Amino acid sequence: KAMPGSCCLDDPSTSEWFGYYYATSVTYEGKPMECQNTGPWHLGISEEACSNAGGRWFPSPCYTLQACINDRPANGTQGYSPSFEQFASGITITDPSNSTQCNNARQQLGYAPDYPF
């Protein structure tokens, strides 16, 4: 769940729908396509690791970033910084599967919107 992504090793000859690469955006009668051959966990670390194994990489929801933002030290606790709180108070992720929220939070922290962590 907290990995930057997942790797699907399906190709058009082994995918759920013959002739098509696995894609998270593909649905049929409201049902999403499912990866038939998910790569080992370590291939989800990066797009490069997955492609080196012949797979297609898909980013995960940003659960780790959401937890990091939500679990920052609160006022009156050890590690609390008023200046950091002022900086971070506008950074929110209410739905870690919403890529727009994740991308915006990354940008507010000074990273590229598609930074994998």
N, C-alpha and C. Protein backbone atom coordinates (compact mmCIF):
# COMPACT_ATOMS: atom_id res chain seq x y z
N LYS A 1 0.82 -1.20 0.00
CA LYS A 1 0.00 0.00 0.00
C LYS A 1 0.86 1.26 0.00
N ALA A 2 1.99 1.24 0.68
CA ALA A 2 2.82 2.44 0.77
C ALA A 2 3.92 2.48 -0.28
N MET A 3 3.98 1.51 -1.17
CA MET A 3 4.98 1.53 -2.23
C MET A 3 4.64 2.66 -3.21
N PRO A 4 5.67 3.22 -3.88
CA PRO A 4 5.40 4.28 -4.85
C PRO A 4 4.51 3.84 -6.01
N GLY A 5 4.50 2.55 -6.32
CA GLY A 5 3.69 2.08 -7.43
C GLY A 5 3.58 0.58 -7.45
N SER A 6 3.00 0.08 -8.53
CA SER A 6 2.93 -1.37 -8.74
C SER A 6 3.33 -1.65 -10.18
N CYS A 7 3.74 -2.88 -10.41
CA CYS A 7 4.23 -3.27 -11.72
C CYS A 7 3.38 -4.42 -12.25
N CYS A 8 2.87 -4.25 -13.45
CA CYS A 8 2.09 -5.31 -14.10
C CYS A 8 2.92 -5.87 -15.24
N LEU A 9 3.13 -7.17 -15.21
CA LEU A 9 3.95 -7.84 -16.22
C LEU A 9 3.12 -8.41 -17.37
N ASP A 10 1.83 -8.09 -17.40
CA ASP A 10 0.99 -8.55 -18.51
C ASP A 10 1.48 -7.95 -19.83
N ASP A 11 1.33 -8.69 -20.89
CA ASP A 11 1.53 -8.14 -22.23
C ASP A 11 0.26 -8.47 -23.02
N PRO A 12 0.12 -7.97 -24.23
CA PRO A 12 -1.13 -8.20 -24.96
C PRO A 12 -1.52 -9.67 -25.14
N SER A 13 -0.55 -10.58 -25.03
CA SER A 13 -0.90 -11.99 -25.20
C SER A 13 -1.31 -12.65 -23.89
N THR A 14 -1.06 -11.99 -22.76
CA THR A 14 -1.39 -12.59 -21.46
C THR A 14 -2.35 -11.75 -20.64
N SER A 15 -2.79 -10.61 -21.15
CA SER A 15 -3.66 -9.74 -20.36
C SER A 15 -5.07 -10.30 -20.28
N GLU A 16 -5.83 -9.73 -19.37
CA GLU A 16 -7.22 -10.16 -19.18
C GLU A 16 -8.00 -10.05 -20.49
N TRP A 17 -7.72 -9.01 -21.25
CA TRP A 17 -8.36 -8.82 -22.55
C TRP A 17 -7.30 -8.98 -23.62
N PHE A 18 -7.30 -10.12 -24.26
CA PHE A 18 -6.29 -10.48 -25.26
C PHE A 18 -6.11 -9.34 -26.27
N GLY A 19 -4.85 -9.01 -26.51
CA GLY A 19 -4.54 -7.97 -27.49
C GLY A 19 -4.33 -6.59 -26.89
N TYR A 20 -4.57 -6.45 -25.59
CA TYR A 20 -4.44 -5.14 -24.94
C TYR A 20 -3.48 -5.22 -23.77
N TYR A 21 -2.65 -4.19 -23.63
CA TYR A 21 -1.85 -4.06 -22.42
C TYR A 21 -2.78 -3.74 -21.26
N TYR A 22 -2.39 -4.17 -20.06
CA TYR A 22 -3.14 -3.78 -18.87
C TYR A 22 -3.09 -2.27 -18.73
N ALA A 23 -4.20 -1.68 -18.38
CA ALA A 23 -4.28 -0.24 -18.15
C ALA A 23 -5.32 0.02 -17.07
N THR A 24 -5.00 0.90 -16.14
CA THR A 24 -5.93 1.21 -15.06
C THR A 24 -7.14 1.98 -15.56
N SER A 25 -7.03 2.60 -16.71
CA SER A 25 -8.13 3.42 -17.24
C SER A 25 -9.14 2.62 -18.06
N VAL A 26 -8.85 1.35 -18.33
CA VAL A 26 -9.72 0.54 -19.18
C VAL A 26 -10.81 -0.13 -18.35
N THR A 27 -12.05 0.05 -18.77
CA THR A 27 -13.18 -0.62 -18.12
C THR A 27 -14.08 -1.23 -19.20
N TYR A 28 -14.81 -2.25 -18.80
CA TYR A 28 -15.80 -2.86 -19.68
C TYR A 28 -17.04 -3.14 -18.84
N GLU A 29 -18.15 -2.56 -19.25
CA GLU A 29 -19.40 -2.68 -18.51
C GLU A 29 -19.21 -2.29 -17.04
N GLY A 30 -18.42 -1.24 -16.82
CA GLY A 30 -18.21 -0.72 -15.48
C GLY A 30 -17.17 -1.45 -14.64
N LYS A 31 -16.61 -2.53 -15.16
CA LYS A 31 -15.60 -3.29 -14.41
C LYS A 31 -14.22 -2.94 -14.92
N PRO A 32 -13.28 -2.59 -14.01
CA PRO A 32 -11.93 -2.26 -14.45
C PRO A 32 -11.15 -3.51 -14.85
N MET A 33 -10.19 -3.31 -15.72
CA MET A 33 -9.30 -4.39 -16.13
C MET A 33 -8.43 -4.76 -14.93
N GLU A 34 -8.11 -6.04 -14.78
CA GLU A 34 -7.26 -6.49 -13.67
C GLU A 34 -5.96 -7.05 -14.22
N CYS A 35 -4.87 -6.73 -13.54
CA CYS A 35 -3.56 -7.26 -13.93
C CYS A 35 -3.53 -8.75 -13.59
N GLN A 36 -3.15 -9.57 -14.56
CA GLN A 36 -3.10 -11.01 -14.37
C GLN A 36 -1.76 -11.48 -13.80
N ASN A 37 -0.70 -10.68 -14.01
CA ASN A 37 0.64 -11.08 -13.59
C ASN A 37 1.33 -9.90 -12.91
N THR A 38 0.97 -9.66 -11.66
CA THR A 38 1.58 -8.56 -10.90
C THR A 38 3.02 -8.92 -10.56
N GLY A 39 3.91 -7.98 -10.82
CA GLY A 39 5.33 -8.22 -10.55
C GLY A 39 5.61 -8.28 -9.06
N PRO A 40 6.77 -8.81 -8.66
CA PRO A 40 7.16 -8.83 -7.25
C PRO A 40 7.16 -7.42 -6.67
N TRP A 41 7.02 -7.32 -5.36
CA TRP A 41 6.87 -6.03 -4.69
C TRP A 41 7.96 -5.04 -5.04
N HIS A 42 9.21 -5.51 -5.20
CA HIS A 42 10.31 -4.58 -5.42
C HIS A 42 10.25 -3.90 -6.78
N LEU A 43 9.47 -4.41 -7.72
CA LEU A 43 9.34 -3.75 -9.01
C LEU A 43 8.44 -2.52 -8.92
N GLY A 44 7.73 -2.37 -7.81
CA GLY A 44 6.89 -1.19 -7.61
C GLY A 44 7.65 0.02 -7.10
N ILE A 45 8.95 -0.15 -6.85
CA ILE A 45 9.75 0.96 -6.32
C ILE A 45 9.85 2.09 -7.33
N SER A 46 10.01 1.77 -8.60
CA SER A 46 10.15 2.83 -9.60
C SER A 46 9.71 2.34 -10.98
N GLU A 47 9.44 3.30 -11.84
CA GLU A 47 9.08 2.98 -13.22
C GLU A 47 10.24 2.28 -13.92
N GLU A 48 11.47 2.71 -13.60
CA GLU A 48 12.66 2.10 -14.21
C GLU A 48 12.79 0.63 -13.82
N ALA A 49 12.60 0.31 -12.53
CA ALA A 49 12.70 -1.08 -12.09
C ALA A 49 11.68 -1.95 -12.80
N CYS A 50 10.48 -1.45 -12.94
CA CYS A 50 9.41 -2.21 -13.60
C CYS A 50 9.71 -2.40 -15.08
N SER A 51 10.11 -1.33 -15.75
CA SER A 51 10.36 -1.45 -17.20
C SER A 51 11.55 -2.35 -17.47
N ASN A 52 12.54 -2.38 -16.57
CA ASN A 52 13.67 -3.29 -16.76
C ASN A 52 13.23 -4.75 -16.71
N ALA A 53 12.11 -5.03 -16.04
CA ALA A 53 11.58 -6.38 -15.97
C ALA A 53 10.54 -6.64 -17.07
N GLY A 54 10.35 -5.65 -17.96
CA GLY A 54 9.40 -5.81 -19.05
C GLY A 54 7.97 -5.49 -18.69
N GLY A 55 7.77 -4.78 -17.57
CA GLY A 55 6.42 -4.47 -17.12
C GLY A 55 6.02 -3.04 -17.37
N ARG A 56 4.81 -2.73 -16.94
CA ARG A 56 4.26 -1.38 -17.00
C ARG A 56 3.98 -0.94 -15.58
N TRP A 57 4.49 0.24 -15.21
CA TRP A 57 4.43 0.75 -13.84
C TRP A 57 3.25 1.69 -13.69
N PHE A 58 2.57 1.58 -12.55
CA PHE A 58 1.43 2.43 -12.25
C PHE A 58 1.61 3.02 -10.86
N PRO A 59 1.54 4.35 -10.72
CA PRO A 59 1.75 4.96 -9.40
C PRO A 59 0.64 4.58 -8.43
N SER A 60 1.02 4.45 -7.17
CA SER A 60 0.06 4.16 -6.10
C SER A 60 -0.53 5.44 -5.55
N PRO A 61 -1.65 5.34 -4.87
CA PRO A 61 -2.14 6.51 -4.15
C PRO A 61 -1.09 6.97 -3.14
N CYS A 62 -1.12 8.23 -2.80
CA CYS A 62 -0.06 8.79 -1.96
C CYS A 62 -0.38 8.67 -0.46
N TYR A 63 -0.55 7.43 0.01
CA TYR A 63 -0.83 7.19 1.42
C TYR A 63 0.29 7.68 2.33
N THR A 64 1.53 7.45 1.92
CA THR A 64 2.67 7.82 2.76
C THR A 64 2.75 9.34 2.91
N LEU A 65 2.57 10.05 1.82
CA LEU A 65 2.61 11.51 1.88
C LEU A 65 1.47 12.05 2.73
N GLN A 66 0.28 11.48 2.59
CA GLN A 66 -0.86 11.91 3.41
C GLN A 66 -0.57 11.69 4.89
N ALA A 67 -0.03 10.53 5.23
CA ALA A 67 0.28 10.23 6.64
C ALA A 67 1.34 11.18 7.17
N CYS A 68 2.33 11.48 6.36
CA CYS A 68 3.40 12.39 6.78
C CYS A 68 2.83 13.79 7.06
N ILE A 69 1.96 14.25 6.22
CA ILE A 69 1.35 15.57 6.42
C ILE A 69 0.44 15.57 7.65
N ASN A 70 -0.40 14.55 7.77
CA ASN A 70 -1.37 14.50 8.86
C ASN A 70 -0.73 14.22 10.22
N ASP A 71 0.41 13.54 10.24
CA ASP A 71 1.02 13.14 11.50
C ASP A 71 2.15 14.06 11.95
N ARG A 72 2.25 15.26 11.38
CA ARG A 72 3.29 16.18 11.81
C ARG A 72 3.02 16.57 13.27
N PRO A 73 4.07 16.93 14.02
CA PRO A 73 3.88 17.25 15.44
C PRO A 73 2.87 18.38 15.66
N ALA A 74 2.00 18.19 16.62
CA ALA A 74 0.98 19.18 16.95
C ALA A 74 1.52 20.16 17.99
N ASN A 75 0.86 21.29 18.09
CA ASN A 75 1.23 22.31 19.07
C ASN A 75 1.24 21.70 20.47
N GLY A 76 2.32 21.92 21.21
CA GLY A 76 2.45 21.39 22.55
C GLY A 76 3.14 20.04 22.62
N THR A 77 3.52 19.48 21.47
CA THR A 77 4.21 18.19 21.47
C THR A 77 5.66 18.39 21.03
N GLN A 78 6.48 17.40 21.36
CA GLN A 78 7.89 17.46 20.99
C GLN A 78 8.03 17.49 19.47
N GLY A 79 8.89 18.36 19.00
CA GLY A 79 9.13 18.46 17.56
C GLY A 79 8.28 19.49 16.86
N TYR A 80 7.34 20.10 17.58
CA TYR A 80 6.46 21.10 16.96
C TYR A 80 7.27 22.34 16.59
N SER A 81 7.02 22.85 15.41
CA SER A 81 7.68 24.06 14.93
C SER A 81 6.61 25.01 14.39
N PRO A 82 6.45 26.17 15.05
CA PRO A 82 5.44 27.13 14.57
C PRO A 82 5.68 27.57 13.12
N SER A 83 6.94 27.75 12.74
CA SER A 83 7.21 28.18 11.37
C SER A 83 6.87 27.07 10.36
N PHE A 84 7.17 25.82 10.71
CA PHE A 84 6.81 24.73 9.80
C PHE A 84 5.30 24.58 9.74
N GLU A 85 4.63 24.73 10.86
CA GLU A 85 3.16 24.63 10.88
C GLU A 85 2.55 25.68 9.98
N GLN A 86 3.09 26.88 10.02
CA GLN A 86 2.59 27.96 9.17
C GLN A 86 2.79 27.59 7.69
N PHE A 87 3.96 27.02 7.39
CA PHE A 87 4.26 26.59 6.02
C PHE A 87 3.35 25.44 5.58
N ALA A 88 3.16 24.45 6.43
CA ALA A 88 2.46 23.22 6.05
C ALA A 88 0.95 23.25 6.27
N SER A 89 0.44 24.26 6.93
CA SER A 89 -0.99 24.26 7.28
C SER A 89 -1.91 24.24 6.06
N GLY A 90 -1.47 24.73 4.93
CA GLY A 90 -2.31 24.74 3.74
C GLY A 90 -2.16 23.50 2.87
N ILE A 91 -1.28 22.59 3.27
CA ILE A 91 -1.05 21.38 2.48
C ILE A 91 -1.94 20.27 3.03
N THR A 92 -2.91 19.86 2.24
CA THR A 92 -3.83 18.81 2.69
C THR A 92 -4.06 17.78 1.59
N ILE A 93 -4.24 16.56 2.03
CA ILE A 93 -4.65 15.47 1.15
C ILE A 93 -5.79 14.76 1.87
N THR A 94 -6.99 14.90 1.35
CA THR A 94 -8.14 14.23 1.96
C THR A 94 -8.41 12.88 1.32
N ASP A 95 -7.96 12.72 0.07
CA ASP A 95 -8.16 11.47 -0.66
C ASP A 95 -6.86 11.08 -1.35
N PRO A 96 -6.09 10.13 -0.78
CA PRO A 96 -4.80 9.79 -1.37
C PRO A 96 -4.88 9.14 -2.75
N SER A 97 -6.05 8.74 -3.19
CA SER A 97 -6.18 8.19 -4.53
C SER A 97 -6.47 9.29 -5.56
N ASN A 98 -6.63 10.52 -5.09
CA ASN A 98 -6.86 11.65 -5.99
C ASN A 98 -5.51 12.21 -6.41
N SER A 99 -5.10 11.93 -7.64
CA SER A 99 -3.77 12.32 -8.09
C SER A 99 -3.59 13.84 -8.11
N THR A 100 -4.65 14.60 -8.32
CA THR A 100 -4.54 16.06 -8.31
C THR A 100 -4.13 16.55 -6.93
N GLN A 101 -4.77 16.02 -5.88
CA GLN A 101 -4.40 16.42 -4.51
C GLN A 101 -2.95 16.04 -4.21
N CYS A 102 -2.54 14.85 -4.60
CA CYS A 102 -1.17 14.39 -4.35
C CYS A 102 -0.17 15.28 -5.09
N ASN A 103 -0.45 15.55 -6.36
CA ASN A 103 0.44 16.38 -7.16
C ASN A 103 0.55 17.79 -6.59
N ASN A 104 -0.57 18.36 -6.16
CA ASN A 104 -0.55 19.70 -5.57
C ASN A 104 0.27 19.73 -4.29
N ALA A 105 0.11 18.72 -3.45
CA ALA A 105 0.86 18.65 -2.20
C ALA A 105 2.36 18.55 -2.48
N ARG A 106 2.74 17.75 -3.44
CA ARG A 106 4.16 17.62 -3.79
C ARG A 106 4.72 18.96 -4.26
N GLN A 107 3.96 19.66 -5.10
CA GLN A 107 4.41 20.96 -5.59
C GLN A 107 4.55 21.96 -4.45
N GLN A 108 3.61 21.96 -3.53
CA GLN A 108 3.68 22.88 -2.39
C GLN A 108 4.91 22.61 -1.53
N LEU A 109 5.37 21.36 -1.54
CA LEU A 109 6.56 20.99 -0.78
C LEU A 109 7.85 21.19 -1.58
N GLY A 110 7.72 21.66 -2.83
CA GLY A 110 8.89 21.97 -3.64
C GLY A 110 9.35 20.84 -4.55
N TYR A 111 8.54 19.80 -4.71
CA TYR A 111 8.89 18.67 -5.57
C TYR A 111 8.11 18.73 -6.88
N ALA A 112 8.56 17.95 -7.84
CA ALA A 112 7.81 17.82 -9.09
C ALA A 112 6.47 17.15 -8.80
N PRO A 113 5.42 17.50 -9.53
CA PRO A 113 4.10 16.90 -9.25
C PRO A 113 4.06 15.39 -9.34
N ASP A 114 4.89 14.81 -10.19
CA ASP A 114 4.89 13.36 -10.36
C ASP A 114 6.02 12.67 -9.59
N TYR A 115 6.61 13.38 -8.62
CA TYR A 115 7.67 12.77 -7.79
C TYR A 115 7.08 11.53 -7.13
N PRO A 116 7.78 10.36 -7.20
CA PRO A 116 7.14 9.11 -6.80
C PRO A 116 6.95 8.89 -5.30
N PHE A 117 7.39 9.77 -4.45
CA PHE A 117 7.24 9.53 -3.01
C PHE A 117 6.45 10.63 -2.36
